[in-house]
Amino acid sequence: MESSIYLLLVLIEYVLLISTAAPFLLVNRFSKAPNVGIAVWFTLFFTAMAAAILSFGIAAWSIIETYYLLQTTTDIALILAVSFAPWLLLAFAGILLALSNQRLEPLFRAAKEFDQLAKLARREVEIFHKAKVYHLEIPGFIAITKDYEIYLSKAVFDLPEQQLKAILWHEYGHVRLGHQWLKRVTHLMMQLTPWFAVSRAFNFEVARLCEVAADKYALKRVYSKDLAEARANFY
């Protein structure tokens, strides 16, 4: 029992350390090594999550252990209090599940709306290496990737050839580096735990580092001037 309490305290301190320190110490870092930064953020965030889950498990087990120890006592009030604890944990888990479903529903709705938009507005233009490029009949400068598909609005196709090529390489960088999956995970975590600053920082930083990494991928193949001028239209 005593060793479990010490482990619980260490795990809670680790979660608190990551939750409070990461948003202040790691934001706007790793611009020169974005892939390293993404790996660091994912490692810290998910180890903190694992620590939180393990803490909950230890707390639950301690209640069960205490329940069995109390079988030898005659304190009825204490026995009743401990016997109700597992049911309280189950109720708490049910509330968390309901909140999670509520938070996830907008993500599913947004994904469905995007699929409908893509089906109605897209027109395949070309194959850029292994990715299909689609033309969207929508206003403004928009570039979106999904799986091995790149969606560009009409205004992007009107850019000078070298700038269009720079945008295609940038978006293809997102595809090749798997950024869409990384962003989905971070956005999911932010939706599930929006009250934690580390969740918002995790989402923001991974999105920023993905853009930096995609720029570095493109700059191996295009001029920085073309990429900078093309990206300026998206701000």
C-alpha atoms as a PDB file:
ATOM      1  CA  MET A   1       0.000   0.000   0.000  1.00  0.00           C
ATOM      2  CA  GLU A   2       2.728   2.469   0.972  1.00  0.00           C
ATOM      3  CA  SER A   3       4.740   1.842  -2.210  1.00  0.00           C
ATOM      4  CA  SER A   4       1.592   2.363  -4.292  1.00  0.00           C
ATOM      5  CA  ILE A   5       1.017   5.731  -2.632  1.00  0.00           C
ATOM      6  CA  TYR A   6       4.583   6.836  -3.412  1.00  0.00           C
ATOM      7  CA  LEU A   7       4.206   5.733  -7.045  1.00  0.00           C
ATOM      8  CA  LEU A   8       0.889   7.569  -7.267  1.00  0.00           C
ATOM      9  CA  LEU A   9       2.493  10.767  -5.993  1.00  0.00           C
ATOM     10  CA  VAL A  10       5.352  10.488  -8.516  1.00  0.00           C
ATOM     11  CA  LEU A  11       2.920   9.921 -11.397  1.00  0.00           C
ATOM     12  CA  ILE A  12       0.745  12.866 -10.383  1.00  0.00           C
ATOM     13  CA  GLU A  13       3.801  15.120 -10.091  1.00  0.00           C
ATOM     14  CA  TYR A  14       4.939  14.039 -13.572  1.00  0.00           C
ATOM     15  CA  VAL A  15       1.522  14.843 -15.068  1.00  0.00           C
ATOM     16  CA  LEU A  16       1.483  18.227 -13.339  1.00  0.00           C
ATOM     17  CA  LEU A  17       5.029  18.979 -14.489  1.00  0.00           C
ATOM     18  CA  ILE A  18       4.242  18.229 -18.134  1.00  0.00           C
ATOM     19  CA  SER A  19       0.901  20.048 -17.969  1.00  0.00           C
ATOM     20  CA  THR A  20       2.389  23.231 -16.543  1.00  0.00           C
ATOM     21  CA  ALA A  21       5.940  23.336 -17.912  1.00  0.00           C
ATOM     22  CA  ALA A  22       5.498  22.193 -21.514  1.00  0.00           C
ATOM     23  CA  PRO A  23       3.253  25.107 -22.643  1.00  0.00           C
ATOM     24  CA  PHE A  24       5.797  27.618 -21.292  1.00  0.00           C
ATOM     25  CA  LEU A  25       9.107  25.933 -22.126  1.00  0.00           C
ATOM     26  CA  LEU A  26       8.462  24.201 -25.461  1.00  0.00           C
ATOM     27  CA  VAL A  27       6.179  26.564 -27.385  1.00  0.00           C
ATOM     28  CA  ASN A  28       7.893  28.152 -30.426  1.00  0.00           C
ATOM     29  CA  ARG A  29      10.880  25.836 -30.061  1.00  0.00           C
ATOM     30  CA  PHE A  30      12.339  23.318 -32.509  1.00  0.00           C
ATOM     31  CA  SER A  31      11.841  25.505 -35.585  1.00  0.00           C
ATOM     32  CA  LYS A  32      15.198  24.306 -36.909  1.00  0.00           C
ATOM     33  CA  ALA A  33      14.355  20.670 -36.223  1.00  0.00           C
ATOM     34  CA  PRO A  34      10.556  20.372 -36.574  1.00  0.00           C
ATOM     35  CA  ASN A  35      10.482  16.578 -36.778  1.00  0.00           C
ATOM     36  CA  VAL A  36      12.395  16.350 -33.494  1.00  0.00           C
ATOM     37  CA  GLY A  37       9.967  18.813 -31.941  1.00  0.00           C
ATOM     38  CA  ILE A  38       6.956  16.791 -33.093  1.00  0.00           C
ATOM     39  CA  ALA A  39       8.496  13.633 -31.604  1.00  0.00           C
ATOM     40  CA  VAL A  40       9.192  15.422 -28.294  1.00  0.00           C
ATOM     41  CA  TRP A  41       5.652  16.782 -28.024  1.00  0.00           C
ATOM     42  CA  PHE A  42       4.064  13.418 -28.797  1.00  0.00           C
ATOM     43  CA  THR A  43       6.354  11.628 -26.342  1.00  0.00           C
ATOM     44  CA  LEU A  44       5.694  14.033 -23.486  1.00  0.00           C
ATOM     45  CA  PHE A  45       1.964  14.277 -24.084  1.00  0.00           C
ATOM     46  CA  PHE A  46       1.312  10.556 -24.323  1.00  0.00           C
ATOM     47  CA  THR A  47       3.620   9.602 -21.456  1.00  0.00           C
ATOM     48  CA  ALA A  48       1.746  12.128 -19.329  1.00  0.00           C
ATOM     49  CA  MET A  49      -1.519  10.588 -20.476  1.00  0.00           C
ATOM     50  CA  ALA A  50      -0.233   7.103 -19.640  1.00  0.00           C
ATOM     51  CA  ALA A  51       0.842   8.366 -16.206  1.00  0.00           C
ATOM     52  CA  ALA A  52      -2.623   9.822 -15.608  1.00  0.00           C
ATOM     53  CA  ILE A  53      -4.314   6.545 -16.590  1.00  0.00           C
ATOM     54  CA  LEU A  54      -1.931   4.549 -14.384  1.00  0.00           C
ATOM     55  CA  SER A  55      -2.633   6.937 -11.496  1.00  0.00           C
ATOM     56  CA  PHE A  56      -6.339   6.334 -11.896  1.00  0.00           C
ATOM     57  CA  GLY A  57      -5.721   2.581 -11.943  1.00  0.00           C
ATOM     58  CA  ILE A  58      -3.626   2.713  -8.770  1.00  0.00           C
ATOM     59  CA  ALA A  59      -6.264   4.814  -7.031  1.00  0.00           C
ATOM     60  CA  ALA A  60      -8.985   2.359  -8.046  1.00  0.00           C
ATOM     61  CA  TRP A  61      -6.929  -0.629  -6.883  1.00  0.00           C
ATOM     62  CA  SER A  62      -6.197   1.032  -3.550  1.00  0.00           C
ATOM     63  CA  ILE A  63      -9.932   1.368  -2.968  1.00  0.00           C
ATOM     64  CA  ILE A  64     -10.455  -2.321  -3.680  1.00  0.00           C
ATOM     65  CA  GLU A  65      -7.493  -3.263  -1.484  1.00  0.00           C
ATOM     66  CA  THR A  66      -8.775  -1.092   1.319  1.00  0.00           C
ATOM     67  CA  TYR A  67     -12.204  -2.679   0.975  1.00  0.00           C
ATOM     68  CA  TYR A  68     -10.805  -6.132   1.597  1.00  0.00           C
ATOM     69  CA  LEU A  69      -8.719  -4.927   4.503  1.00  0.00           C
ATOM     70  CA  LEU A  70     -11.794  -3.417   6.097  1.00  0.00           C
ATOM     71  CA  GLN A  71     -13.495  -6.805   6.182  1.00  0.00           C
ATOM     72  CA  THR A  72     -11.767  -7.322   9.513  1.00  0.00           C
ATOM     73  CA  THR A  73     -13.073  -4.096  11.030  1.00  0.00           C
ATOM     74  CA  THR A  74     -16.370  -3.439  12.790  1.00  0.00           C
ATOM     75  CA  ASP A  75     -16.633   0.203  11.690  1.00  0.00           C
ATOM     76  CA  ILE A  76     -19.830   0.015   9.603  1.00  0.00           C
ATOM     77  CA  ALA A  77     -19.659   3.633   8.412  1.00  0.00           C
ATOM     78  CA  LEU A  78     -16.152   3.189   7.053  1.00  0.00           C
ATOM     79  CA  ILE A  79     -17.078  -0.063   5.316  1.00  0.00           C
ATOM     80  CA  LEU A  80     -20.089   1.574   3.644  1.00  0.00           C
ATOM     81  CA  ALA A  81     -18.013   4.544   2.511  1.00  0.00           C
ATOM     82  CA  VAL A  82     -15.401   2.332   0.878  1.00  0.00           C
ATOM     83  CA  SER A  83     -17.996   0.020  -0.675  1.00  0.00           C
ATOM     84  CA  PHE A  84     -19.589   2.951  -2.480  1.00  0.00           C
ATOM     85  CA  ALA A  85     -16.261   4.156  -3.904  1.00  0.00           C
ATOM     86  CA  PRO A  86     -16.162   1.756  -6.926  1.00  0.00           C
ATOM     87  CA  TRP A  87     -19.660   2.857  -7.920  1.00  0.00           C
ATOM     88  CA  LEU A  88     -18.570   6.477  -7.742  1.00  0.00           C
ATOM     89  CA  LEU A  89     -15.632   5.647  -9.995  1.00  0.00           C
ATOM     90  CA  LEU A  90     -17.972   3.984 -12.485  1.00  0.00           C
ATOM     91  CA  ALA A  91     -20.241   7.031 -12.435  1.00  0.00           C
ATOM     92  CA  PHE A  92     -17.257   9.295 -13.000  1.00  0.00           C
ATOM     93  CA  ALA A  93     -16.140   7.118 -15.943  1.00  0.00           C
ATOM     94  CA  GLY A  94     -19.648   7.317 -17.395  1.00  0.00           C
ATOM     95  CA  ILE A  95     -19.615  11.103 -17.185  1.00  0.00           C
ATOM     96  CA  LEU A  96     -16.230  11.200 -18.904  1.00  0.00           C
ATOM     97  CA  LEU A  97     -17.537   8.939 -21.679  1.00  0.00           C
ATOM     98  CA  ALA A  98     -20.567  11.187 -22.230  1.00  0.00           C
ATOM     99  CA  LEU A  99     -18.372  14.295 -22.325  1.00  0.00           C
ATOM    100  CA  SER A 100     -15.989  12.585 -24.766  1.00  0.00           C
ATOM    101  CA  ASN A 101     -18.846  11.742 -27.128  1.00  0.00           C
ATOM    102  CA  GLN A 102     -20.068  15.320 -26.925  1.00  0.00           C
ATOM    103  CA  ARG A 103     -16.588  16.648 -27.726  1.00  0.00           C
ATOM    104  CA  LEU A 104     -16.024  14.219 -30.605  1.00  0.00           C
ATOM    105  CA  GLU A 105     -19.323  14.839 -32.367  1.00  0.00           C
ATOM    106  CA  PRO A 106     -18.172  18.126 -34.035  1.00  0.00           C
ATOM    107  CA  LEU A 107     -15.118  16.307 -35.452  1.00  0.00           C
ATOM    108  CA  PHE A 108     -17.260  13.669 -37.133  1.00  0.00           C
ATOM    109  CA  ARG A 109     -19.633  16.326 -38.447  1.00  0.00           C
ATOM    110  CA  ALA A 110     -16.743  18.392 -39.865  1.00  0.00           C
ATOM    111  CA  ALA A 111     -15.242  15.335 -41.573  1.00  0.00           C
ATOM    112  CA  LYS A 112     -18.603  14.484 -43.135  1.00  0.00           C
ATOM    113  CA  GLU A 113     -19.077  18.058 -44.381  1.00  0.00           C
ATOM    114  CA  PHE A 114     -15.618  18.030 -45.962  1.00  0.00           C
ATOM    115  CA  ASP A 115     -16.330  14.739 -47.751  1.00  0.00           C
ATOM    116  CA  GLN A 116     -19.568  16.164 -49.142  1.00  0.00           C
ATOM    117  CA  LEU A 117     -17.795  19.337 -50.295  1.00  0.00           C
ATOM    118  CA  ALA A 118     -15.041  17.340 -51.968  1.00  0.00           C
ATOM    119  CA  LYS A 119     -17.513  15.152 -53.829  1.00  0.00           C
ATOM    120  CA  LEU A 120     -19.536  18.101 -55.086  1.00  0.00           C
ATOM    121  CA  ALA A 121     -16.782  20.579 -55.955  1.00  0.00           C
ATOM    122  CA  ARG A 122     -13.682  18.617 -56.921  1.00  0.00           C
ATOM    123  CA  ARG A 123     -12.281  17.957 -60.353  1.00  0.00           C
ATOM    124  CA  GLU A 124      -9.113  15.911 -60.785  1.00  0.00           C
ATOM    125  CA  VAL A 125      -6.448  17.943 -62.551  1.00  0.00           C
ATOM    126  CA  GLU A 126      -3.239  15.908 -62.438  1.00  0.00           C
ATOM    127  CA  ILE A 127      -1.133  13.379 -60.564  1.00  0.00           C
ATOM    128  CA  PHE A 128       1.653  15.051 -58.600  1.00  0.00           C
ATOM    129  CA  HIS A 129       4.058  12.200 -57.937  1.00  0.00           C
ATOM    130  CA  LYS A 130       1.883   9.767 -55.936  1.00  0.00           C
ATOM    131  CA  ALA A 131      -0.822  12.280 -54.995  1.00  0.00           C
ATOM    132  CA  LYS A 132      -3.925  13.198 -56.946  1.00  0.00           C
ATOM    133  CA  VAL A 133      -4.479  16.941 -57.321  1.00  0.00           C
ATOM    134  CA  TYR A 134      -8.068  18.202 -57.297  1.00  0.00           C
ATOM    135  CA  HIS A 135      -9.545  21.542 -58.343  1.00  0.00           C
ATOM    136  CA  LEU A 136     -12.069  23.075 -55.931  1.00  0.00           C
ATOM    137  CA  GLU A 137     -14.534  25.608 -57.268  1.00  0.00           C
ATOM    138  CA  ILE A 138     -14.462  27.710 -54.139  1.00  0.00           C
ATOM    139  CA  PRO A 139     -13.149  31.257 -53.543  1.00  0.00           C
ATOM    140  CA  GLY A 140      -9.933  32.253 -51.836  1.00  0.00           C
ATOM    141  CA  PHE A 141      -6.565  30.555 -51.451  1.00  0.00           C
ATOM    142  CA  ILE A 142      -7.137  27.115 -49.982  1.00  0.00           C
ATOM    143  CA  ALA A 143      -4.864  24.058 -49.935  1.00  0.00           C
ATOM    144  CA  ILE A 144      -5.921  20.875 -48.127  1.00  0.00           C
ATOM    145  CA  THR A 145      -4.493  17.373 -48.059  1.00  0.00           C
ATOM    146  CA  LYS A 146      -6.326  14.144 -47.306  1.00  0.00           C
ATOM    147  CA  ASP A 147      -4.586  10.791 -47.597  1.00  0.00           C
ATOM    148  CA  TYR A 148      -2.773  10.936 -50.971  1.00  0.00           C
ATOM    149  CA  GLU A 149      -5.021  13.702 -52.300  1.00  0.00           C
ATOM    150  CA  ILE A 150      -4.301  17.428 -52.595  1.00  0.00           C
ATOM    151  CA  TYR A 151      -7.193  19.889 -52.888  1.00  0.00           C
ATOM    152  CA  LEU A 152      -6.456  23.363 -54.252  1.00  0.00           C
ATOM    153  CA  SER A 153      -8.887  26.223 -54.829  1.00  0.00           C
ATOM    154  CA  LYS A 154      -9.125  27.942 -58.208  1.00  0.00           C
ATOM    155  CA  ALA A 155      -7.040  30.923 -57.051  1.00  0.00           C
ATOM    156  CA  VAL A 156      -4.073  28.647 -56.304  1.00  0.00           C
ATOM    157  CA  PHE A 157      -4.072  27.366 -59.905  1.00  0.00           C
ATOM    158  CA  ASP A 158      -3.928  30.984 -61.099  1.00  0.00           C
ATOM    159  CA  LEU A 159      -0.566  31.537 -59.376  1.00  0.00           C
ATOM    160  CA  PRO A 160       2.613  31.676 -61.484  1.00  0.00           C
ATOM    161  CA  GLU A 161       3.889  28.240 -62.399  1.00  0.00           C
ATOM    162  CA  GLN A 162       6.858  28.245 -59.994  1.00  0.00           C
ATOM    163  CA  GLN A 163       4.667  29.373 -57.083  1.00  0.00           C
ATOM    164  CA  LEU A 164       2.070  26.704 -57.872  1.00  0.00           C
ATOM    165  CA  LYS A 165       4.833  24.121 -57.958  1.00  0.00           C
ATOM    166  CA  ALA A 166       6.088  25.354 -54.579  1.00  0.00           C
ATOM    167  CA  ILE A 167       2.614  24.959 -53.054  1.00  0.00           C
ATOM    168  CA  LEU A 168       2.285  21.474 -54.515  1.00  0.00           C
ATOM    169  CA  TRP A 169       5.635  20.430 -53.033  1.00  0.00           C
ATOM    170  CA  HIS A 170       4.647  21.925 -49.681  1.00  0.00           C
ATOM    171  CA  GLU A 171       1.346  20.040 -49.632  1.00  0.00           C
ATOM    172  CA  TYR A 172       3.027  16.870 -50.884  1.00  0.00           C
ATOM    173  CA  GLY A 173       5.426  17.237 -47.953  1.00  0.00           C
ATOM    174  CA  HIS A 174       2.428  17.062 -45.617  1.00  0.00           C
ATOM    175  CA  VAL A 175       1.313  13.880 -47.384  1.00  0.00           C
ATOM    176  CA  ARG A 176       4.707  12.178 -47.335  1.00  0.00           C
ATOM    177  CA  LEU A 177       5.425  13.085 -43.704  1.00  0.00           C
ATOM    178  CA  GLY A 178       2.011  11.923 -42.481  1.00  0.00           C
ATOM    179  CA  HIS A 179       1.086  15.293 -41.023  1.00  0.00           C
ATOM    180  CA  GLN A 180      -2.650  14.858 -41.524  1.00  0.00           C
ATOM    181  CA  TRP A 181      -2.677  11.945 -39.077  1.00  0.00           C
ATOM    182  CA  LEU A 182      -0.572  13.826 -36.546  1.00  0.00           C
ATOM    183  CA  LYS A 183      -2.923  16.800 -36.713  1.00  0.00           C
ATOM    184  CA  ARG A 184      -5.965  14.577 -36.302  1.00  0.00           C
ATOM    185  CA  VAL A 185      -4.513  13.114 -33.122  1.00  0.00           C
ATOM    186  CA  THR A 186      -3.607  16.505 -31.643  1.00  0.00           C
ATOM    187  CA  HIS A 187      -6.973  18.006 -32.554  1.00  0.00           C
ATOM    188  CA  LEU A 188      -8.709  14.997 -31.022  1.00  0.00           C
ATOM    189  CA  MET A 189      -6.764  15.413 -27.795  1.00  0.00           C
ATOM    190  CA  MET A 190      -7.607  19.117 -27.675  1.00  0.00           C
ATOM    191  CA  GLN A 191     -11.306  18.352 -28.162  1.00  0.00           C
ATOM    192  CA  LEU A 192     -11.261  15.748 -25.397  1.00  0.00           C
ATOM    193  CA  THR A 193      -9.313  17.870 -22.887  1.00  0.00           C
ATOM    194  CA  PRO A 194      -9.773  21.529 -23.907  1.00  0.00           C
ATOM    195  CA  TRP A 195      -9.461  22.737 -20.310  1.00  0.00           C
ATOM    196  CA  PHE A 196      -5.754  21.786 -20.181  1.00  0.00           C
ATOM    197  CA  ALA A 197      -3.305  24.364 -21.518  1.00  0.00           C
ATOM    198  CA  VAL A 198      -0.953  21.573 -22.559  1.00  0.00           C
ATOM    199  CA  SER A 199      -3.626  20.164 -24.912  1.00  0.00           C
ATOM    200  CA  ARG A 200      -3.996  23.490 -26.677  1.00  0.00           C
ATOM    201  CA  ALA A 201      -0.226  23.956 -26.810  1.00  0.00           C
ATOM    202  CA  PHE A 202       0.179  20.399 -28.127  1.00  0.00           C
ATOM    203  CA  ASN A 203      -2.305  21.054 -30.928  1.00  0.00           C
ATOM    204  CA  PHE A 204      -0.874  24.473 -31.810  1.00  0.00           C
ATOM    205  CA  GLU A 205       2.783  23.434 -31.732  1.00  0.00           C
ATOM    206  CA  VAL A 206       2.375  20.251 -33.767  1.00  0.00           C
ATOM    207  CA  ALA A 207       0.394  22.189 -36.400  1.00  0.00           C
ATOM    208  CA  ARG A 208       3.107  24.863 -36.534  1.00  0.00           C
ATOM    209  CA  LEU A 209       5.954  22.347 -36.698  1.00  0.00           C
ATOM    210  CA  CYS A 210       4.160  20.431 -39.452  1.00  0.00           C
ATOM    211  CA  GLU A 211       4.106  23.619 -41.528  1.00  0.00           C
ATOM    212  CA  VAL A 212       7.814  24.186 -40.874  1.00  0.00           C
ATOM    213  CA  ALA A 213       8.620  20.580 -41.800  1.00  0.00           C
ATOM    214  CA  ALA A 214       6.543  20.818 -45.005  1.00  0.00           C
ATOM    215  CA  ASP A 215       8.382  24.039 -45.918  1.00  0.00           C
ATOM    216  CA  LYS A 216      11.739  22.324 -45.403  1.00  0.00           C
ATOM    217  CA  TYR A 217      10.564  19.417 -47.555  1.00  0.00           C
ATOM    218  CA  ALA A 218       9.536  21.810 -50.342  1.00  0.00           C
ATOM    219  CA  LEU A 219      12.685  23.944 -50.113  1.00  0.00           C
ATOM    220  CA  LYS A 220      14.775  20.949 -51.119  1.00  0.00           C
ATOM    221  CA  ARG A 221      13.041  21.159 -54.501  1.00  0.00           C
ATOM    222  CA  VAL A 222      11.973  24.800 -55.064  1.00  0.00           C
ATOM    223  CA  TYR A 223      13.368  28.280 -54.467  1.00  0.00           C
ATOM    224  CA  SER A 224      12.621  29.914 -51.123  1.00  0.00           C
ATOM    225  CA  LYS A 225      11.450  33.089 -52.925  1.00  0.00           C
ATOM    226  CA  ASP A 226       8.753  31.197 -54.846  1.00  0.00           C
ATOM    227  CA  LEU A 227       7.532  29.395 -51.743  1.00  0.00           C
ATOM    228  CA  ALA A 228       7.468  32.572 -49.635  1.00  0.00           C
ATOM    229  CA  GLU A 229       5.553  34.548 -52.272  1.00  0.00           C
ATOM    230  CA  ALA A 230       3.066  31.724 -52.776  1.00  0.00           C
ATOM    231  CA  ARG A 231       2.460  31.186 -49.051  1.00  0.00           C
ATOM    232  CA  ALA A 232       1.951  34.934 -48.532  1.00  0.00           C
ATOM    233  CA  ASN A 233      -1.387  34.605 -50.373  1.00  0.00           C
ATOM    234  CA  PHE A 234      -2.729  32.251 -47.719  1.00  0.00           C
ATOM    235  CA  TYR A 235      -2.379  34.684 -44.795  1.00  0.00           C
END
